[in-house]
Amino acid sequence: MSELIHTCYRILEIDRSVEFYEKLGFEEPYEIGTGYGHIAVSVDDLDGALEGLASVGIEPEKPPYTVREGGNRLCFVRDPDGYRIELIERSPA
């Protein structure tokens, strides 16, 4: 299950974006915002999440990477309006 970490985004076509976020596993509706940015969600298994997204036509911008040595793996996908969604793999407990 993904966990929302932070958010800041706008959308142009609500129905198209709702469909996109439903594919990511979001079930609650959201309102059109006025800010620019991205949202970040954590996932238990980044590779598994990316495989699931690929099966519904959502591809990452580039392969997963870390920002610093020992950091969490992450990557970005884009929603239908081109806004970035950051997927961050949780650290093992």
PDB file of N, CA and C in Angstrom:
ATOM      1  N   MET A   1       0.851  -1.186   0.000  1.00  0.00           N
ATOM      2  CA  MET A   1       0.000   0.000   0.000  1.00  0.00           C
ATOM      3  C   MET A   1       0.887   1.236   0.000  1.00  0.00           C
ATOM      4  N   SER A   2       0.585   2.173  -0.863  1.00  0.00           N
ATOM      5  CA  SER A   2       1.316   3.427  -0.929  1.00  0.00           C
ATOM      6  C   SER A   2       0.901   4.341   0.205  1.00  0.00           C
ATOM      7  N   GLU A   3       1.801   5.214   0.615  1.00  0.00           N
ATOM      8  CA  GLU A   3       1.531   6.199   1.656  1.00  0.00           C
ATOM      9  C   GLU A   3       1.901   7.568   1.110  1.00  0.00           C
ATOM     10  N   LEU A   4       0.965   8.515   1.149  1.00  0.00           N
ATOM     11  CA  LEU A   4       1.216   9.855   0.666  1.00  0.00           C
ATOM     12  C   LEU A   4       2.224  10.536   1.584  1.00  0.00           C
ATOM     13  N   ILE A   5       3.282  11.104   0.991  1.00  0.00           N
ATOM     14  CA  ILE A   5       4.321  11.756   1.764  1.00  0.00           C
ATOM     15  C   ILE A   5       4.170  13.270   1.704  1.00  0.00           C
ATOM     16  N   HIS A   6       4.054  13.829   0.503  1.00  0.00           N
ATOM     17  CA  HIS A   6       3.771  15.256   0.352  1.00  0.00           C
ATOM     18  C   HIS A   6       3.124  15.519  -0.987  1.00  0.00           C
ATOM     19  N   THR A   7       2.520  16.685  -1.111  1.00  0.00           N
ATOM     20  CA  THR A   7       1.794  16.991  -2.336  1.00  0.00           C
ATOM     21  C   THR A   7       1.791  18.475  -2.654  1.00  0.00           C
ATOM     22  N   CYS A   8       1.780  18.777  -3.938  1.00  0.00           N
ATOM     23  CA  CYS A   8       1.595  20.129  -4.456  1.00  0.00           C
ATOM     24  C   CYS A   8       1.473  19.998  -5.966  1.00  0.00           C
ATOM     25  N   TYR A   9       0.261  20.144  -6.505  1.00  0.00           N
ATOM     26  CA  TYR A   9       0.076  19.941  -7.936  1.00  0.00           C
ATOM     27  C   TYR A   9      -1.198  20.615  -8.438  1.00  0.00           C
ATOM     28  N   ARG A  10      -1.315  20.735  -9.775  1.00  0.00           N
ATOM     29  CA  ARG A  10      -2.525  21.198 -10.443  1.00  0.00           C
ATOM     30  C   ARG A  10      -2.876  20.188 -11.522  1.00  0.00           C
ATOM     31  N   ILE A  11      -4.134  20.176 -11.902  1.00  0.00           N
ATOM     32  CA  ILE A  11      -4.556  19.313 -12.994  1.00  0.00           C
ATOM     33  C   ILE A  11      -5.391  20.121 -13.974  1.00  0.00           C
ATOM     34  N   LEU A  12      -5.441  19.656 -15.214  1.00  0.00           N
ATOM     35  CA  LEU A  12      -6.194  20.352 -16.249  1.00  0.00           C
ATOM     36  C   LEU A  12      -7.545  19.692 -16.529  1.00  0.00           C
ATOM     37  N   GLU A  13      -7.581  18.357 -16.542  1.00  0.00           N
ATOM     38  CA  GLU A  13      -8.820  17.627 -16.820  1.00  0.00           C
ATOM     39  C   GLU A  13      -9.065  16.627 -15.698  1.00  0.00           C
ATOM     40  N   ILE A  14     -10.008  16.937 -14.814  1.00  0.00           N
ATOM     41  CA  ILE A  14     -10.235  16.155 -13.612  1.00  0.00           C
ATOM     42  C   ILE A  14     -10.507  14.676 -13.899  1.00  0.00           C
ATOM     43  N   ASP A  15     -11.362  14.361 -14.865  1.00  0.00           N
ATOM     44  CA  ASP A  15     -11.703  12.953 -15.122  1.00  0.00           C
ATOM     45  C   ASP A  15     -10.487  12.148 -15.559  1.00  0.00           C
ATOM     46  N   ARG A  16      -9.685  12.717 -16.423  1.00  0.00           N
ATOM     47  CA  ARG A  16      -8.477  12.038 -16.910  1.00  0.00           C
ATOM     48  C   ARG A  16      -7.514  11.796 -15.747  1.00  0.00           C
ATOM     49  N   SER A  17      -7.362  12.772 -14.885  1.00  0.00           N
ATOM     50  CA  SER A  17      -6.432  12.629 -13.767  1.00  0.00           C
ATOM     51  C   SER A  17      -6.962  11.675 -12.708  1.00  0.00           C
ATOM     52  N   VAL A  18      -8.270  11.700 -12.438  1.00  0.00           N
ATOM     53  CA  VAL A  18      -8.844  10.743 -11.486  1.00  0.00           C
ATOM     54  C   VAL A  18      -8.574   9.320 -11.960  1.00  0.00           C
ATOM     55  N   GLU A  19      -8.759   9.065 -13.249  1.00  0.00           N
ATOM     56  CA  GLU A  19      -8.486   7.733 -13.799  1.00  0.00           C
ATOM     57  C   GLU A  19      -7.026   7.340 -13.569  1.00  0.00           C
ATOM     58  N   PHE A  20      -6.104   8.278 -13.791  1.00  0.00           N
ATOM     59  CA  PHE A  20      -4.685   8.015 -13.580  1.00  0.00           C
ATOM     60  C   PHE A  20      -4.406   7.650 -12.122  1.00  0.00           C
ATOM     61  N   TYR A  21      -4.923   8.461 -11.188  1.00  0.00           N
ATOM     62  CA  TYR A  21      -4.634   8.212  -9.773  1.00  0.00           C
ATOM     63  C   TYR A  21      -5.319   6.951  -9.261  1.00  0.00           C
ATOM     64  N   GLU A  22      -6.452   6.590  -9.821  1.00  0.00           N
ATOM     65  CA  GLU A  22      -7.071   5.318  -9.465  1.00  0.00           C
ATOM     66  C   GLU A  22      -6.156   4.155  -9.847  1.00  0.00           C
ATOM     67  N   LYS A  23      -5.453   4.268 -10.979  1.00  0.00           N
ATOM     68  CA  LYS A  23      -4.500   3.228 -11.395  1.00  0.00           C
ATOM     69  C   LYS A  23      -3.336   3.118 -10.415  1.00  0.00           C
ATOM     70  N   LEU A  24      -3.019   4.227  -9.725  1.00  0.00           N
ATOM     71  CA  LEU A  24      -1.963   4.207  -8.711  1.00  0.00           C
ATOM     72  C   LEU A  24      -2.468   3.678  -7.367  1.00  0.00           C
ATOM     73  N   GLY A  25      -3.771   3.430  -7.267  1.00  0.00           N
ATOM     74  CA  GLY A  25      -4.321   2.887  -6.030  1.00  0.00           C
ATOM     75  C   GLY A  25      -4.997   3.913  -5.140  1.00  0.00           C
ATOM     76  N   PHE A  26      -5.121   5.170  -5.594  1.00  0.00           N
ATOM     77  CA  PHE A  26      -5.818   6.185  -4.813  1.00  0.00           C
ATOM     78  C   PHE A  26      -7.310   5.977  -4.983  1.00  0.00           C
ATOM     79  N   GLU A  27      -8.057   6.055  -3.877  1.00  0.00           N
ATOM     80  CA  GLU A  27      -9.491   5.841  -3.953  1.00  0.00           C
ATOM     81  C   GLU A  27     -10.284   7.084  -3.601  1.00  0.00           C
ATOM     82  N   GLU A  28      -9.673   8.072  -2.962  1.00  0.00           N
ATOM     83  CA  GLU A  28     -10.406   9.262  -2.549  1.00  0.00           C
ATOM     84  C   GLU A  28     -10.354  10.335  -3.627  1.00  0.00           C
ATOM     85  N   PRO A  29     -11.454  11.087  -3.797  1.00  0.00           N
ATOM     86  CA  PRO A  29     -11.434  12.184  -4.781  1.00  0.00           C
ATOM     87  C   PRO A  29     -10.562  13.332  -4.277  1.00  0.00           C
ATOM     88  N   TYR A  30     -10.149  14.183  -5.182  1.00  0.00           N
ATOM     89  CA  TYR A  30      -9.381  15.357  -4.796  1.00  0.00           C
ATOM     90  C   TYR A  30      -9.832  16.535  -5.636  1.00  0.00           C
ATOM     91  N   GLU A  31      -9.526  17.723  -5.179  1.00  0.00           N
ATOM     92  CA  GLU A  31      -9.946  18.949  -5.837  1.00  0.00           C
ATOM     93  C   GLU A  31      -8.810  19.526  -6.667  1.00  0.00           C
ATOM     94  N   ILE A  32      -9.172  20.289  -7.682  1.00  0.00           N
ATOM     95  CA  ILE A  32      -8.170  20.964  -8.497  1.00  0.00           C
ATOM     96  C   ILE A  32      -7.461  21.999  -7.621  1.00  0.00           C
ATOM     97  N   GLY A  33      -6.144  22.007  -7.641  1.00  0.00           N
ATOM     98  CA  GLY A  33      -5.363  22.955  -6.861  1.00  0.00           C
ATOM     99  C   GLY A  33      -4.862  24.097  -7.718  1.00  0.00           C
ATOM    100  N   THR A  34      -4.174  25.029  -7.093  1.00  0.00           N
ATOM    101  CA  THR A  34      -3.642  26.174  -7.828  1.00  0.00           C
ATOM    102  C   THR A  34      -2.127  26.237  -7.784  1.00  0.00           C
ATOM    103  N   GLY A  35      -1.481  25.295  -7.125  1.00  0.00           N
ATOM    104  CA  GLY A  35      -0.027  25.325  -6.997  1.00  0.00           C
ATOM    105  C   GLY A  35       0.646  24.401  -7.990  1.00  0.00           C
ATOM    106  N   TYR A  36       1.936  24.566  -8.140  1.00  0.00           N
ATOM    107  CA  TYR A  36       2.726  23.702  -9.012  1.00  0.00           C
ATOM    108  C   TYR A  36       3.666  22.877  -8.162  1.00  0.00           C
ATOM    109  N   GLY A  37       3.914  21.674  -8.555  1.00  0.00           N
ATOM    110  CA  GLY A  37       4.862  20.838  -7.837  1.00  0.00           C
ATOM    111  C   GLY A  37       4.656  19.377  -8.167  1.00  0.00           C
ATOM    112  N   HIS A  38       4.816  18.527  -7.173  1.00  0.00           N
ATOM    113  CA  HIS A  38       4.637  17.094  -7.365  1.00  0.00           C
ATOM    114  C   HIS A  38       4.148  16.489  -6.070  1.00  0.00           C
ATOM    115  N   ILE A  39       3.704  15.235  -6.157  1.00  0.00           N
ATOM    116  CA  ILE A  39       3.403  14.485  -4.947  1.00  0.00           C
ATOM    117  C   ILE A  39       4.413  13.364  -4.843  1.00  0.00           C
ATOM    118  N   ALA A  40       4.616  12.889  -3.640  1.00  0.00           N
ATOM    119  CA  ALA A  40       5.509  11.764  -3.399  1.00  0.00           C
ATOM    120  C   ALA A  40       4.756  10.714  -2.601  1.00  0.00           C
ATOM    121  N   VAL A  41       4.881   9.474  -3.027  1.00  0.00           N
ATOM    122  CA  VAL A  41       4.270   8.364  -2.299  1.00  0.00           C
ATOM    123  C   VAL A  41       5.345   7.325  -2.027  1.00  0.00           C
ATOM    124  N   SER A  42       5.214   6.678  -0.875  1.00  0.00           N
ATOM    125  CA  SER A  42       6.163   5.610  -0.561  1.00  0.00           C
ATOM    126  C   SER A  42       5.545   4.277  -0.949  1.00  0.00           C
ATOM    127  N   VAL A  43       6.388   3.352  -1.349  1.00  0.00           N
ATOM    128  CA  VAL A  43       5.958   2.002  -1.722  1.00  0.00           C
ATOM    129  C   VAL A  43       6.890   0.999  -1.056  1.00  0.00           C
ATOM    130  N   ASP A  44       6.360  -0.175  -0.745  1.00  0.00           N
ATOM    131  CA  ASP A  44       7.179  -1.220  -0.124  1.00  0.00           C
ATOM    132  C   ASP A  44       8.171  -1.816  -1.113  1.00  0.00           C
ATOM    133  N   ASP A  45       7.751  -1.998  -2.344  1.00  0.00           N
ATOM    134  CA  ASP A  45       8.549  -2.678  -3.365  1.00  0.00           C
ATOM    135  C   ASP A  45       8.498  -1.842  -4.639  1.00  0.00           C
ATOM    136  N   LEU A  46       9.515  -1.038  -4.888  1.00  0.00           N
ATOM    137  CA  LEU A  46       9.523  -0.144  -6.039  1.00  0.00           C
ATOM    138  C   LEU A  46       9.473  -0.912  -7.351  1.00  0.00           C
ATOM    139  N   ASP A  47      10.250  -1.984  -7.465  1.00  0.00           N
ATOM    140  CA  ASP A  47      10.235  -2.768  -8.702  1.00  0.00           C
ATOM    141  C   ASP A  47       8.856  -3.368  -8.963  1.00  0.00           C
ATOM    142  N   GLY A  48       8.226  -3.877  -7.923  1.00  0.00           N
ATOM    143  CA  GLY A  48       6.885  -4.441  -8.066  1.00  0.00           C
ATOM    144  C   GLY A  48       5.862  -3.373  -8.433  1.00  0.00           C
ATOM    145  N   ALA A  49       5.986  -2.212  -7.816  1.00  0.00           N
ATOM    146  CA  ALA A  49       5.076  -1.103  -8.136  1.00  0.00           C
ATOM    147  C   ALA A  49       5.231  -0.689  -9.595  1.00  0.00           C
ATOM    148  N   LEU A  50       6.471  -0.616 -10.066  1.00  0.00           N
ATOM    149  CA  LEU A  50       6.710  -0.222 -11.455  1.00  0.00           C
ATOM    150  C   LEU A  50       6.196  -1.277 -12.434  1.00  0.00           C
ATOM    151  N   GLU A  51       6.322  -2.559 -12.083  1.00  0.00           N
ATOM    152  CA  GLU A  51       5.771  -3.614 -12.934  1.00  0.00           C
ATOM    153  C   GLU A  51       4.258  -3.480 -13.045  1.00  0.00           C
ATOM    154  N   GLY A  52       3.602  -3.227 -11.913  1.00  0.00           N
ATOM    155  CA  GLY A  52       2.155  -3.055 -11.917  1.00  0.00           C
ATOM    156  C   GLY A  52       1.735  -1.851 -12.740  1.00  0.00           C
ATOM    157  N   LEU A  53       2.462  -0.750 -12.591  1.00  0.00           N
ATOM    158  CA  LEU A  53       2.141   0.451 -13.362  1.00  0.00           C
ATOM    159  C   LEU A  53       2.375   0.225 -14.850  1.00  0.00           C
ATOM    160  N   ALA A  54       3.464  -0.471 -15.203  1.00  0.00           N
ATOM    161  CA  ALA A  54       3.748  -0.754 -16.612  1.00  0.00           C
ATOM    162  C   ALA A  54       2.616  -1.564 -17.235  1.00  0.00           C
ATOM    163  N   SER A  55       2.002  -2.434 -16.450  1.00  0.00           N
ATOM    164  CA  SER A  55       0.913  -3.271 -16.978  1.00  0.00           C
ATOM    165  C   SER A  55      -0.330  -2.456 -17.334  1.00  0.00           C
ATOM    166  N   VAL A  56      -0.411  -1.219 -16.814  1.00  0.00           N
ATOM    167  CA  VAL A  56      -1.540  -0.339 -17.157  1.00  0.00           C
ATOM    168  C   VAL A  56      -1.064   0.876 -17.956  1.00  0.00           C
ATOM    169  N   GLY A  57       0.154   0.766 -18.522  1.00  0.00           N
ATOM    170  CA  GLY A  57       0.639   1.793 -19.434  1.00  0.00           C
ATOM    171  C   GLY A  57       1.344   2.985 -18.820  1.00  0.00           C
ATOM    172  N   ILE A  58       1.776   2.867 -17.568  1.00  0.00           N
ATOM    173  CA  ILE A  58       2.484   3.972 -16.907  1.00  0.00           C
ATOM    174  C   ILE A  58       3.952   3.586 -16.757  1.00  0.00           C
ATOM    175  N   GLU A  59       4.829   4.364 -17.391  1.00  0.00           N
ATOM    176  CA  GLU A  59       6.263   4.077 -17.379  1.00  0.00           C
ATOM    177  C   GLU A  59       7.017   5.157 -16.604  1.00  0.00           C
ATOM    178  N   PRO A  60       8.129   4.801 -15.947  1.00  0.00           N
ATOM    179  CA  PRO A  60       8.929   5.807 -15.240  1.00  0.00           C
ATOM    180  C   PRO A  60       9.695   6.691 -16.224  1.00  0.00           C
ATOM    181  N   GLU A  61      10.056   7.881 -15.760  1.00  0.00           N
ATOM    182  CA  GLU A  61      10.883   8.781 -16.574  1.00  0.00           C
ATOM    183  C   GLU A  61      12.234   8.141 -16.886  1.00  0.00           C
ATOM    184  N   LYS A  62      12.818   7.509 -15.878  1.00  0.00           N
ATOM    185  CA  LYS A  62      14.081   6.793 -16.016  1.00  0.00           C
ATOM    186  C   LYS A  62      14.105   5.711 -14.947  1.00  0.00           C
ATOM    187  N   PRO A  63      15.034   4.770 -15.021  1.00  0.00           N
ATOM    188  CA  PRO A  63      15.074   3.684 -14.034  1.00  0.00           C
ATOM    189  C   PRO A  63      15.260   4.219 -12.610  1.00  0.00           C
ATOM    190  N   PRO A  64      14.875   3.424 -11.610  1.00  0.00           N
ATOM    191  CA  PRO A  64      15.045   3.834 -10.215  1.00  0.00           C
ATOM    192  C   PRO A  64      16.498   4.184  -9.901  1.00  0.00           C
ATOM    193  N   TYR A  65      16.668   5.106  -8.958  1.00  0.00           N
ATOM    194  CA  TYR A  65      17.996   5.559  -8.556  1.00  0.00           C
ATOM    195  C   TYR A  65      17.956   6.028  -7.105  1.00  0.00           C
ATOM    196  N   THR A  66      19.106   6.312  -6.559  1.00  0.00           N
ATOM    197  CA  THR A  66      19.193   6.914  -5.222  1.00  0.00           C
ATOM    198  C   THR A  66      19.851   8.278  -5.362  1.00  0.00           C
ATOM    199  N   VAL A  67      19.484   9.190  -4.484  1.00  0.00           N
ATOM    200  CA  VAL A  67      20.044  10.543  -4.510  1.00  0.00           C
ATOM    201  C   VAL A  67      21.421  10.552  -3.863  1.00  0.00           C
ATOM    202  N   ARG A  68      21.598   9.714  -2.857  1.00  0.00           N
ATOM    203  CA  ARG A  68      22.888   9.633  -2.166  1.00  0.00           C
ATOM    204  C   ARG A  68      23.146   8.183  -1.773  1.00  0.00           C
ATOM    205  N   GLU A  69      24.389   7.867  -1.528  1.00  0.00           N
ATOM    206  CA  GLU A  69      24.743   6.507  -1.140  1.00  0.00           C
ATOM    207  C   GLU A  69      23.982   6.115   0.116  1.00  0.00           C
ATOM    208  N   GLY A  70      23.356   4.947   0.066  1.00  0.00           N
ATOM    209  CA  GLY A  70      22.577   4.457   1.203  1.00  0.00           C
ATOM    210  C   GLY A  70      21.169   5.026   1.265  1.00  0.00           C
ATOM    211  N   GLY A  71      20.818   5.916   0.349  1.00  0.00           N
ATOM    212  CA  GLY A  71      19.484   6.519   0.347  1.00  0.00           C
ATOM    213  C   GLY A  71      18.438   5.583  -0.231  1.00  0.00           C
ATOM    214  N   ASN A  72      17.198   5.937  -0.058  1.00  0.00           N
ATOM    215  CA  ASN A  72      16.094   5.148  -0.590  1.00  0.00           C
ATOM    216  C   ASN A  72      16.062   5.239  -2.109  1.00  0.00           C
ATOM    217  N   ARG A  73      15.704   4.129  -2.755  1.00  0.00           N
ATOM    218  CA  ARG A  73      15.519   4.127  -4.208  1.00  0.00           C
ATOM    219  C   ARG A  73      14.256   4.896  -4.536  1.00  0.00           C
ATOM    220  N   LEU A  74      14.286   5.606  -5.650  1.00  0.00           N
ATOM    221  CA  LEU A  74      13.122   6.366  -6.072  1.00  0.00           C
ATOM    222  C   LEU A  74      13.099   6.494  -7.578  1.00  0.00           C
ATOM    223  N   CYS A  75      11.963   6.901  -8.093  1.00  0.00           N
ATOM    224  CA  CYS A  75      11.836   7.259  -9.499  1.00  0.00           C
ATOM    225  C   CYS A  75      10.579   8.105  -9.642  1.00  0.00           C
ATOM    226  N   PHE A  76      10.396   8.667 -10.820  1.00  0.00           N
ATOM    227  CA  PHE A  76       9.253   9.523 -11.087  1.00  0.00           C
ATOM    228  C   PHE A  76       8.453   8.979 -12.264  1.00  0.00           C
ATOM    229  N   VAL A  77       7.126   9.095 -12.159  1.00  0.00           N
ATOM    230  CA  VAL A  77       6.222   8.880 -13.276  1.00  0.00           C
ATOM    231  C   VAL A  77       5.496  10.201 -13.484  1.00  0.00           C
ATOM    232  N   ARG A  78       4.826  10.348 -14.603  1.00  0.00           N
ATOM    233  CA  ARG A  78       4.080  11.581 -14.866  1.00  0.00           C
ATOM    234  C   ARG A  78       2.597  11.276 -15.003  1.00  0.00           C
ATOM    235  N   ASP A  79       1.778  12.197 -14.481  1.00  0.00           N
ATOM    236  CA  ASP A  79       0.336  12.040 -14.628  1.00  0.00           C
ATOM    237  C   ASP A  79      -0.082  12.528 -16.013  1.00  0.00           C
ATOM    238  N   PRO A  80      -1.359  12.425 -16.363  1.00  0.00           N
ATOM    239  CA  PRO A  80      -1.790  12.809 -17.709  1.00  0.00           C
ATOM    240  C   PRO A  80      -1.519  14.267 -18.073  1.00  0.00           C
ATOM    241  N   ASP A  81      -1.344  15.140 -17.087  1.00  0.00           N
ATOM    242  CA  ASP A  81      -1.049  16.547 -17.354  1.00  0.00           C
ATOM    243  C   ASP A  81       0.445  16.833 -17.365  1.00  0.00           C
ATOM    244  N   GLY A  82       1.256  15.809 -17.166  1.00  0.00           N
ATOM    245  CA  GLY A  82       2.701  15.978 -17.193  1.00  0.00           C
ATOM    246  C   GLY A  82       3.334  16.271 -15.840  1.00  0.00           C
ATOM    247  N   TYR A  83       2.525  16.274 -14.770  1.00  0.00           N
ATOM    248  CA  TYR A  83       3.098  16.524 -13.449  1.00  0.00           C
ATOM    249  C   TYR A  83       3.772  15.264 -12.924  1.00  0.00           C
ATOM    250  N   ARG A  84       4.847  15.465 -12.197  1.00  0.00           N
ATOM    251  CA  ARG A  84       5.657  14.351 -11.724  1.00  0.00           C
ATOM    252  C   ARG A  84       5.097  13.767 -10.433  1.00  0.00           C
ATOM    253  N   ILE A  85       5.141  12.436 -10.343  1.00  0.00           N
ATOM    254  CA  ILE A  85       4.762  11.681  -9.158  1.00  0.00           C
ATOM    255  C   ILE A  85       6.012  10.930  -8.721  1.00  0.00           C
ATOM    256  N   GLU A  86       6.485  11.237  -7.532  1.00  0.00           N
ATOM    257  CA  GLU A  86       7.687  10.588  -6.997  1.00  0.00           C
ATOM    258  C   GLU A  86       7.298   9.323  -6.257  1.00  0.00           C
ATOM    259  N   LEU A  87       7.902   8.214  -6.625  1.00  0.00           N
ATOM    260  CA  LEU A  87       7.712   6.939  -5.934  1.00  0.00           C
ATOM    261  C   LEU A  87       8.992   6.649  -5.158  1.00  0.00           C
ATOM    262  N   ILE A  88       8.866   6.524  -3.843  1.00  0.00           N
ATOM    263  CA  ILE A  88      10.033   6.296  -2.982  1.00  0.00           C
ATOM    264  C   ILE A  88       9.875   4.953  -2.283  1.00  0.00           C
ATOM    265  N   GLU A  89      10.871   4.083  -2.447  1.00  0.00           N
ATOM    266  CA  GLU A  89      10.831   2.775  -1.792  1.00  0.00           C
ATOM    267  C   GLU A  89      11.129   2.930  -0.312  1.00  0.00           C
ATOM    268  N   ARG A  90      10.257   2.340   0.518  1.00  0.00           N
ATOM    269  CA  ARG A  90      10.484   2.384   1.966  1.00  0.00           C
ATOM    270  C   ARG A  90      11.740   1.599   2.315  1.00  0.00           C
ATOM    271  N   SER A  91      12.417   2.029   3.355  1.00  0.00           N
ATOM    272  CA  SER A  91      13.580   1.284   3.857  1.00  0.00           C
ATOM    273  C   SER A  91      13.099   0.023   4.556  1.00  0.00           C
ATOM    274  N   PRO A  92      13.824  -1.066   4.433  1.00  0.00           N
ATOM    275  CA  PRO A  92      13.432  -2.283   5.154  1.00  0.00           C
ATOM    276  C   PRO A  92      13.412  -2.010   6.649  1.00  0.00           C
ATOM    277  N   ALA A  93      12.444  -2.616   7.317  1.00  0.00           N
ATOM    278  CA  ALA A  93      12.306  -2.405   8.772  1.00  0.00           C
ATOM    279  C   ALA A  93      13.357  -3.136   9.549  1.00  0.00           C
TER     280      ALA A  93
END
